[in-house]
Amino acid sequence: MSPQIKTTAVVIPVLLMFVITSAISVLVFHNHHNWKEFVGSVGLVACVAMYGSPLVVVVSTQLYILNRQTIRSIIYDLYVVCNYI
């Protein structure tokens, strides 16, 4: 897959979400307070998604490592680490 297609596949959903949020905020919310709450909620969801996405990789990697190691080797590793501290 070419880099242009990959870039387009990422940019189009972001732009689509921006347009949908803008359209809803302009057409539905005529009060400034309600508009701020809606746009802030969308921003909050976006921030949580951006900060949470790397954690998915970390958790899946740790689960993979835990599945490969036995409990005995994990306890031994902790014992070795605690003795060097």
PDB file of N, CA and C in Angstrom:
ATOM      1  N   MET A   1       0.847  -1.169   0.000  1.00  0.00           N
ATOM      2  CA  MET A   1       0.000   0.000   0.000  1.00  0.00           C
ATOM      3  C   MET A   1       0.900   1.243   0.000  1.00  0.00           C
ATOM      4  N   SER A   2       0.575   2.182  -0.824  1.00  0.00           N
ATOM      5  CA  SER A   2       1.423   3.369  -0.969  1.00  0.00           C
ATOM      6  C   SER A   2       1.236   4.324   0.213  1.00  0.00           C
ATOM      7  N   PRO A   3       2.237   5.162   0.468  1.00  0.00           N
ATOM      8  CA  PRO A   3       2.121   6.109   1.584  1.00  0.00           C
ATOM      9  C   PRO A   3       0.974   7.105   1.422  1.00  0.00           C
ATOM     10  N   GLN A   4       0.648   7.465   0.187  1.00  0.00           N
ATOM     11  CA  GLN A   4      -0.457   8.397  -0.032  1.00  0.00           C
ATOM     12  C   GLN A   4      -1.791   7.787   0.388  1.00  0.00           C
ATOM     13  N   ILE A   5      -1.966   6.502   0.126  1.00  0.00           N
ATOM     14  CA  ILE A   5      -3.216   5.837   0.497  1.00  0.00           C
ATOM     15  C   ILE A   5      -3.306   5.711   2.011  1.00  0.00           C
ATOM     16  N   LYS A   6      -2.185   5.391   2.654  1.00  0.00           N
ATOM     17  CA  LYS A   6      -2.187   5.292   4.111  1.00  0.00           C
ATOM     18  C   LYS A   6      -2.499   6.642   4.753  1.00  0.00           C
ATOM     19  N   THR A   7      -1.895   7.683   4.218  1.00  0.00           N
ATOM     20  CA  THR A   7      -2.149   9.026   4.751  1.00  0.00           C
ATOM     21  C   THR A   7      -3.604   9.414   4.559  1.00  0.00           C
ATOM     22  N   THR A   8      -4.136   9.132   3.398  1.00  0.00           N
ATOM     23  CA  THR A   8      -5.538   9.441   3.114  1.00  0.00           C
ATOM     24  C   THR A   8      -6.465   8.657   4.033  1.00  0.00           C
ATOM     25  N   ALA A   9      -6.114   7.404   4.316  1.00  0.00           N
ATOM     26  CA  ALA A   9      -6.942   6.571   5.190  1.00  0.00           C
ATOM     27  C   ALA A   9      -6.965   7.114   6.615  1.00  0.00           C
ATOM     28  N   VAL A  10      -5.934   7.839   7.016  1.00  0.00           N
ATOM     29  CA  VAL A  10      -5.912   8.423   8.357  1.00  0.00           C
ATOM     30  C   VAL A  10      -6.558   9.805   8.372  1.00  0.00           C
ATOM     31  N   VAL A  11      -6.318  10.588   7.341  1.00  0.00           N
ATOM     32  CA  VAL A  11      -6.782  11.979   7.324  1.00  0.00           C
ATOM     33  C   VAL A  11      -8.288  12.075   7.102  1.00  0.00           C
ATOM     34  N   ILE A  12      -8.841  11.259   6.247  1.00  0.00           N
ATOM     35  CA  ILE A  12     -10.269  11.361   5.913  1.00  0.00           C
ATOM     36  C   ILE A  12     -11.166  11.153   7.137  1.00  0.00           C
ATOM     37  N   PRO A  13     -10.962  10.134   7.980  1.00  0.00           N
ATOM     38  CA  PRO A  13     -11.829  10.023   9.169  1.00  0.00           C
ATOM     39  C   PRO A  13     -11.694  11.205  10.131  1.00  0.00           C
ATOM     40  N   VAL A  14     -10.487  11.752  10.248  1.00  0.00           N
ATOM     41  CA  VAL A  14     -10.294  12.908  11.131  1.00  0.00           C
ATOM     42  C   VAL A  14     -11.055  14.112  10.595  1.00  0.00           C
ATOM     43  N   LEU A  15     -10.918  14.366   9.310  1.00  0.00           N
ATOM     44  CA  LEU A  15     -11.653  15.487   8.701  1.00  0.00           C
ATOM     45  C   LEU A  15     -13.159  15.270   8.759  1.00  0.00           C
ATOM     46  N   LEU A  16     -13.589  14.046   8.562  1.00  0.00           N
ATOM     47  CA  LEU A  16     -15.012  13.724   8.627  1.00  0.00           C
ATOM     48  C   LEU A  16     -15.553  13.980  10.033  1.00  0.00           C
ATOM     49  N   MET A  17     -14.798  13.589  11.046  1.00  0.00           N
ATOM     50  CA  MET A  17     -15.227  13.843  12.427  1.00  0.00           C
ATOM     51  C   MET A  17     -15.283  15.342  12.720  1.00  0.00           C
ATOM     52  N   PHE A  18     -14.304  16.095  12.200  1.00  0.00           N
ATOM     53  CA  PHE A  18     -14.310  17.545  12.376  1.00  0.00           C
ATOM     54  C   PHE A  18     -15.532  18.178  11.716  1.00  0.00           C
ATOM     55  N   VAL A  19     -15.854  17.752  10.507  1.00  0.00           N
ATOM     56  CA  VAL A  19     -17.006  18.313   9.783  1.00  0.00           C
ATOM     57  C   VAL A  19     -18.312  17.958  10.493  1.00  0.00           C
ATOM     58  N   ILE A  20     -18.420  16.725  10.957  1.00  0.00           N
ATOM     59  CA  ILE A  20     -19.648  16.313  11.656  1.00  0.00           C
ATOM     60  C   ILE A  20     -19.814  17.106  12.949  1.00  0.00           C
ATOM     61  N   THR A  21     -18.724  17.257  13.712  1.00  0.00           N
ATOM     62  CA  THR A  21     -18.794  18.035  14.954  1.00  0.00           C
ATOM     63  C   THR A  21     -19.163  19.486  14.674  1.00  0.00           C
ATOM     64  N   SER A  22     -18.575  20.054  13.643  1.00  0.00           N
ATOM     65  CA  SER A  22     -18.888  21.447  13.290  1.00  0.00           C
ATOM     66  C   SER A  22     -20.333  21.599  12.858  1.00  0.00           C
ATOM     67  N   ALA A  23     -20.804  20.673  12.034  1.00  0.00           N
ATOM     68  CA  ALA A  23     -22.178  20.756  11.541  1.00  0.00           C
ATOM     69  C   ALA A  23     -23.180  20.620  12.683  1.00  0.00           C
ATOM     70  N   ILE A  24     -22.949  19.682  13.568  1.00  0.00           N
ATOM     71  CA  ILE A  24     -23.867  19.501  14.693  1.00  0.00           C
ATOM     72  C   ILE A  24     -23.852  20.732  15.594  1.00  0.00           C
ATOM     73  N   SER A  25     -22.646  21.259  15.857  1.00  0.00           N
ATOM     74  CA  SER A  25     -22.580  22.407  16.758  1.00  0.00           C
ATOM     75  C   SER A  25     -23.207  23.655  16.158  1.00  0.00           C
ATOM     76  N   VAL A  26     -23.132  23.806  14.850  1.00  0.00           N
ATOM     77  CA  VAL A  26     -23.726  24.993  14.213  1.00  0.00           C
ATOM     78  C   VAL A  26     -25.237  24.842  14.059  1.00  0.00           C
ATOM     79  N   LEU A  27     -25.689  23.651  13.666  1.00  0.00           N
ATOM     80  CA  LEU A  27     -27.097  23.461  13.352  1.00  0.00           C
ATOM     81  C   LEU A  27     -27.967  23.167  14.572  1.00  0.00           C
ATOM     82  N   VAL A  28     -27.410  22.517  15.573  1.00  0.00           N
ATOM     83  CA  VAL A  28     -28.240  22.080  16.695  1.00  0.00           C
ATOM     84  C   VAL A  28     -28.141  23.021  17.888  1.00  0.00           C
ATOM     85  N   PHE A  29     -26.943  23.425  18.235  1.00  0.00           N
ATOM     86  CA  PHE A  29     -26.739  24.195  19.461  1.00  0.00           C
ATOM     87  C   PHE A  29     -26.680  25.688  19.146  1.00  0.00           C
ATOM     88  N   HIS A  30     -27.692  26.400  19.608  1.00  0.00           N
ATOM     89  CA  HIS A  30     -27.735  27.841  19.390  1.00  0.00           C
ATOM     90  C   HIS A  30     -27.311  28.603  20.652  1.00  0.00           C
ATOM     91  N   ASN A  31     -27.222  27.899  21.754  1.00  0.00           N
ATOM     92  CA  ASN A  31     -26.799  28.482  23.018  1.00  0.00           C
ATOM     93  C   ASN A  31     -25.297  28.247  23.165  1.00  0.00           C
ATOM     94  N   HIS A  32     -24.556  29.272  23.588  1.00  0.00           N
ATOM     95  CA  HIS A  32     -23.103  29.170  23.692  1.00  0.00           C
ATOM     96  C   HIS A  32     -22.683  28.139  24.737  1.00  0.00           C
ATOM     97  N   HIS A  33     -23.404  28.053  25.839  1.00  0.00           N
ATOM     98  CA  HIS A  33     -23.063  27.107  26.900  1.00  0.00           C
ATOM     99  C   HIS A  33     -23.190  25.665  26.407  1.00  0.00           C
ATOM    100  N   ASN A  34     -24.308  25.355  25.750  1.00  0.00           N
ATOM    101  CA  ASN A  34     -24.502  23.993  25.228  1.00  0.00           C
ATOM    102  C   ASN A  34     -23.481  23.659  24.143  1.00  0.00           C
ATOM    103  N   TRP A  35     -23.156  24.642  23.333  1.00  0.00           N
ATOM    104  CA  TRP A  35     -22.161  24.434  22.277  1.00  0.00           C
ATOM    105  C   TRP A  35     -20.803  24.112  22.882  1.00  0.00           C
ATOM    106  N   LYS A  36     -20.414  24.840  23.929  1.00  0.00           N
ATOM    107  CA  LYS A  36     -19.138  24.590  24.598  1.00  0.00           C
ATOM    108  C   LYS A  36     -19.104  23.196  25.221  1.00  0.00           C
ATOM    109  N   GLU A  37     -20.198  22.773  25.815  1.00  0.00           N
ATOM    110  CA  GLU A  37     -20.246  21.442  26.416  1.00  0.00           C
ATOM    111  C   GLU A  37     -20.106  20.349  25.354  1.00  0.00           C
ATOM    112  N   PHE A  38     -20.777  20.521  24.216  1.00  0.00           N
ATOM    113  CA  PHE A  38     -20.703  19.515  23.156  1.00  0.00           C
ATOM    114  C   PHE A  38     -19.300  19.419  22.577  1.00  0.00           C
ATOM    115  N   VAL A  39     -18.723  20.559  22.215  1.00  0.00           N
ATOM    116  CA  VAL A  39     -17.387  20.554  21.621  1.00  0.00           C
ATOM    117  C   VAL A  39     -16.356  20.073  22.642  1.00  0.00           C
ATOM    118  N   GLY A  40     -16.509  20.448  23.894  1.00  0.00           N
ATOM    119  CA  GLY A  40     -15.610  19.972  24.935  1.00  0.00           C
ATOM    120  C   GLY A  40     -15.708  18.476  25.147  1.00  0.00           C
ATOM    121  N   SER A  41     -16.916  17.932  25.059  1.00  0.00           N
ATOM    122  CA  SER A  41     -17.095  16.483  25.198  1.00  0.00           C
ATOM    123  C   SER A  41     -16.433  15.732  24.055  1.00  0.00           C
ATOM    124  N   VAL A  42     -16.571  16.251  22.852  1.00  0.00           N
ATOM    125  CA  VAL A  42     -15.914  15.619  21.701  1.00  0.00           C
ATOM    126  C   VAL A  42     -14.396  15.688  21.863  1.00  0.00           C
ATOM    127  N   GLY A  43     -13.903  16.822  22.327  1.00  0.00           N
ATOM    128  CA  GLY A  43     -12.465  16.962  22.563  1.00  0.00           C
ATOM    129  C   GLY A  43     -11.966  16.025  23.646  1.00  0.00           C
ATOM    130  N   LEU A  44     -12.769  15.849  24.700  1.00  0.00           N
ATOM    131  CA  LEU A  44     -12.399  14.938  25.776  1.00  0.00           C
ATOM    132  C   LEU A  44     -12.305  13.503  25.278  1.00  0.00           C
ATOM    133  N   VAL A  45     -13.266  13.086  24.476  1.00  0.00           N
ATOM    134  CA  VAL A  45     -13.237  11.734  23.913  1.00  0.00           C
ATOM    135  C   VAL A  45     -12.009  11.555  23.022  1.00  0.00           C
ATOM    136  N   ALA A  46     -11.682  12.563  22.236  1.00  0.00           N
ATOM    137  CA  ALA A  46     -10.501  12.481  21.372  1.00  0.00           C
ATOM    138  C   ALA A  46      -9.222  12.379  22.193  1.00  0.00           C
ATOM    139  N   CYS A  47      -9.131  13.152  23.269  1.00  0.00           N
ATOM    140  CA  CYS A  47      -7.929  13.094  24.115  1.00  0.00           C
ATOM    141  C   CYS A  47      -7.784  11.732  24.786  1.00  0.00           C
ATOM    142  N   VAL A  48      -8.875  11.195  25.305  1.00  0.00           N
ATOM    143  CA  VAL A  48      -8.821   9.887  25.950  1.00  0.00           C
ATOM    144  C   VAL A  48      -8.408   8.820  24.938  1.00  0.00           C
ATOM    145  N   ALA A  49      -8.926   8.920  23.719  1.00  0.00           N
ATOM    146  CA  ALA A  49      -8.553   7.942  22.694  1.00  0.00           C
ATOM    147  C   ALA A  49      -7.074   8.052  22.330  1.00  0.00           C
ATOM    148  N   MET A  50      -6.559   9.275  22.239  1.00  0.00           N
ATOM    149  CA  MET A  50      -5.151   9.440  21.875  1.00  0.00           C
ATOM    150  C   MET A  50      -4.216   8.973  22.984  1.00  0.00           C
ATOM    151  N   TYR A  51      -4.561   9.254  24.233  1.00  0.00           N
ATOM    152  CA  TYR A  51      -3.709   8.825  25.335  1.00  0.00           C
ATOM    153  C   TYR A  51      -3.871   7.332  25.625  1.00  0.00           C
ATOM    154  N   GLY A  52      -5.027   6.787  25.349  1.00  0.00           N
ATOM    155  CA  GLY A  52      -5.273   5.381  25.645  1.00  0.00           C
ATOM    156  C   GLY A  52      -4.762   4.412  24.601  1.00  0.00           C
ATOM    157  N   SER A  53      -4.623   4.849  23.377  1.00  0.00           N
ATOM    158  CA  SER A  53      -4.223   3.920  22.320  1.00  0.00           C
ATOM    159  C   SER A  53      -2.837   3.319  22.521  1.00  0.00           C
ATOM    160  N   PRO A  54      -1.817   4.049  22.987  1.00  0.00           N
ATOM    161  CA  PRO A  54      -0.530   3.383  23.232  1.00  0.00           C
ATOM    162  C   PRO A  54      -0.598   2.366  24.370  1.00  0.00           C
ATOM    163  N   LEU A  55      -1.511   2.580  25.327  1.00  0.00           N
ATOM    164  CA  LEU A  55      -1.617   1.652  26.445  1.00  0.00           C
ATOM    165  C   LEU A  55      -2.135   0.290  26.006  1.00  0.00           C
ATOM    166  N   VAL A  56      -2.908   0.254  24.942  1.00  0.00           N
ATOM    167  CA  VAL A  56      -3.400  -1.015  24.420  1.00  0.00           C
ATOM    168  C   VAL A  56      -2.231  -1.879  23.972  1.00  0.00           C
ATOM    169  N   VAL A  57      -1.248  -1.274  23.343  1.00  0.00           N
ATOM    170  CA  VAL A  57      -0.073  -2.016  22.887  1.00  0.00           C
ATOM    171  C   VAL A  57       0.723  -2.521  24.078  1.00  0.00           C
ATOM    172  N   VAL A  58       0.868  -1.686  25.101  1.00  0.00           N
ATOM    173  CA  VAL A  58       1.636  -2.078  26.282  1.00  0.00           C
ATOM    174  C   VAL A  58       0.963  -3.249  26.986  1.00  0.00           C
ATOM    175  N   VAL A  59      -0.333  -3.171  27.175  1.00  0.00           N
ATOM    176  CA  VAL A  59      -1.053  -4.234  27.872  1.00  0.00           C
ATOM    177  C   VAL A  59      -1.013  -5.524  27.076  1.00  0.00           C
ATOM    178  N   SER A  60      -1.216  -5.461  25.766  1.00  0.00           N
ATOM    179  CA  SER A  60      -1.193  -6.679  24.965  1.00  0.00           C
ATOM    180  C   SER A  60       0.196  -7.305  24.956  1.00  0.00           C
ATOM    181  N   THR A  61       1.250  -6.476  24.970  1.00  0.00           N
ATOM    182  CA  THR A  61       2.614  -7.002  25.031  1.00  0.00           C
ATOM    183  C   THR A  61       2.869  -7.667  26.374  1.00  0.00           C
ATOM    184  N   GLN A  62       2.416  -7.056  27.453  1.00  0.00           N
ATOM    185  CA  GLN A  62       2.610  -7.651  28.767  1.00  0.00           C
ATOM    186  C   GLN A  62       1.843  -8.957  28.902  1.00  0.00           C
ATOM    187  N   LEU A  63       0.633  -9.016  28.358  1.00  0.00           N
ATOM    188  CA  LEU A  63      -0.130 -10.264  28.409  1.00  0.00           C
ATOM    189  C   LEU A  63       0.562 -11.360  27.610  1.00  0.00           C
ATOM    190  N   TYR A  64       1.163 -10.997  26.488  1.00  0.00           N
ATOM    191  CA  TYR A  64       1.890 -11.967  25.686  1.00  0.00           C
ATOM    192  C   TYR A  64       3.089 -12.504  26.462  1.00  0.00           C
ATOM    193  N   ILE A  65       3.800 -11.607  27.139  1.00  0.00           N
ATOM    194  CA  ILE A  65       4.963 -12.029  27.920  1.00  0.00           C
ATOM    195  C   ILE A  65       4.526 -12.908  29.083  1.00  0.00           C
ATOM    196  N   LEU A  66       3.447 -12.532  29.752  1.00  0.00           N
ATOM    197  CA  LEU A  66       2.970 -13.339  30.871  1.00  0.00           C
ATOM    198  C   LEU A  66       2.514 -14.718  30.424  1.00  0.00           C
ATOM    199  N   ASN A  67       1.941 -14.815  29.262  1.00  0.00           N
ATOM    200  CA  ASN A  67       1.515 -16.116  28.770  1.00  0.00           C
ATOM    201  C   ASN A  67       2.694 -17.014  28.437  1.00  0.00           C
ATOM    202  N   ARG A  68       3.827 -16.436  28.094  1.00  0.00           N
ATOM    203  CA  ARG A  68       4.997 -17.225  27.728  1.00  0.00           C
ATOM    204  C   ARG A  68       5.811 -17.655  28.941  1.00  0.00           C
ATOM    205  N   GLN A  69       5.759 -16.882  30.004  1.00  0.00           N
ATOM    206  CA  GLN A  69       6.539 -17.212  31.180  1.00  0.00           C
ATOM    207  C   GLN A  69       5.678 -17.955  32.192  1.00  0.00           C
ATOM    208  N   THR A  70       6.342 -18.772  32.975  1.00  0.00           N
ATOM    209  CA  THR A  70       5.628 -19.453  34.049  1.00  0.00           C
ATOM    210  C   THR A  70       5.671 -18.589  35.289  1.00  0.00           C
ATOM    211  N   ILE A  71       4.850 -18.932  36.229  1.00  0.00           N
ATOM    212  CA  ILE A  71       4.814 -18.186  37.489  1.00  0.00           C
ATOM    213  C   ILE A  71       6.164 -18.303  38.205  1.00  0.00           C
ATOM    214  N   ARG A  72       6.776 -19.456  38.114  1.00  0.00           N
ATOM    215  CA  ARG A  72       8.054 -19.653  38.783  1.00  0.00           C
ATOM    216  C   ARG A  72       9.123 -18.709  38.237  1.00  0.00           C
ATOM    217  N   SER A  73       9.165 -18.541  36.921  1.00  0.00           N
ATOM    218  CA  SER A  73      10.186 -17.657  36.353  1.00  0.00           C
ATOM    219  C   SER A  73       9.899 -16.194  36.683  1.00  0.00           C
ATOM    220  N   ILE A  74       8.639 -15.823  36.796  1.00  0.00           N
ATOM    221  CA  ILE A  74       8.296 -14.450  37.174  1.00  0.00           C
ATOM    222  C   ILE A  74       8.723 -14.191  38.611  1.00  0.00           C
ATOM    223  N   ILE A  75       8.458 -15.153  39.507  1.00  0.00           N
ATOM    224  CA  ILE A  75       8.864 -14.993  40.903  1.00  0.00           C
ATOM    225  C   ILE A  75      10.385 -14.930  41.003  1.00  0.00           C
ATOM    226  N   TYR A  76      11.078 -15.756  40.240  1.00  0.00           N
ATOM    227  CA  TYR A  76      12.541 -15.727  40.254  1.00  0.00           C
ATOM    228  C   TYR A  76      13.064 -14.378  39.754  1.00  0.00           C
ATOM    229  N   ASP A  77      12.468 -13.846  38.699  1.00  0.00           N
ATOM    230  CA  ASP A  77      12.891 -12.538  38.183  1.00  0.00           C
ATOM    231  C   ASP A  77      12.682 -11.443  39.232  1.00  0.00           C
ATOM    232  N   LEU A  78      11.559 -11.484  39.928  1.00  0.00           N
ATOM    233  CA  LEU A  78      11.313 -10.502  40.979  1.00  0.00           C
ATOM    234  C   LEU A  78      12.320 -10.657  42.114  1.00  0.00           C
ATOM    235  N   TYR A  79      12.661 -11.891  42.449  1.00  0.00           N
ATOM    236  CA  TYR A  79      13.644 -12.152  43.504  1.00  0.00           C
ATOM    237  C   TYR A  79      14.997 -11.560  43.117  1.00  0.00           C
ATOM    238  N   VAL A  80      15.410 -11.763  41.881  1.00  0.00           N
ATOM    239  CA  VAL A  80      16.702 -11.255  41.410  1.00  0.00           C
ATOM    240  C   VAL A  80      16.699  -9.722  41.414  1.00  0.00           C
ATOM    241  N   VAL A  81      15.621  -9.131  40.934  1.00  0.00           N
ATOM    242  CA  VAL A  81      15.540  -7.676  40.891  1.00  0.00           C
ATOM    243  C   VAL A  81      15.555  -7.094  42.298  1.00  0.00           C
ATOM    244  N   CYS A  82      14.810  -7.701  43.216  1.00  0.00           N
ATOM    245  CA  CYS A  82      14.747  -7.178  44.581  1.00  0.00           C
ATOM    246  C   CYS A  82      16.089  -7.312  45.284  1.00  0.00           C
ATOM    247  N   ASN A  83      16.871  -8.308  44.957  1.00  0.00           N
ATOM    248  CA  ASN A  83      18.177  -8.459  45.597  1.00  0.00           C
ATOM    249  C   ASN A  83      19.173  -7.443  45.110  1.00  0.00           C
ATOM    250  N   TYR A  84      19.002  -6.914  43.915  1.00  0.00           N
ATOM    251  CA  TYR A  84      19.935  -5.919  43.380  1.00  0.00           C
ATOM    252  C   TYR A  84      19.545  -4.492  43.752  1.00  0.00           C
ATOM    253  N   ILE A  85      18.381  -4.324  44.324  1.00  0.00           N
ATOM    254  CA  ILE A  85      17.934  -2.959  44.662  1.00  0.00           C
ATOM    255  C   ILE A  85      18.530  -2.499  45.968  1.00  0.00           C
TER     256      ILE A  85
END
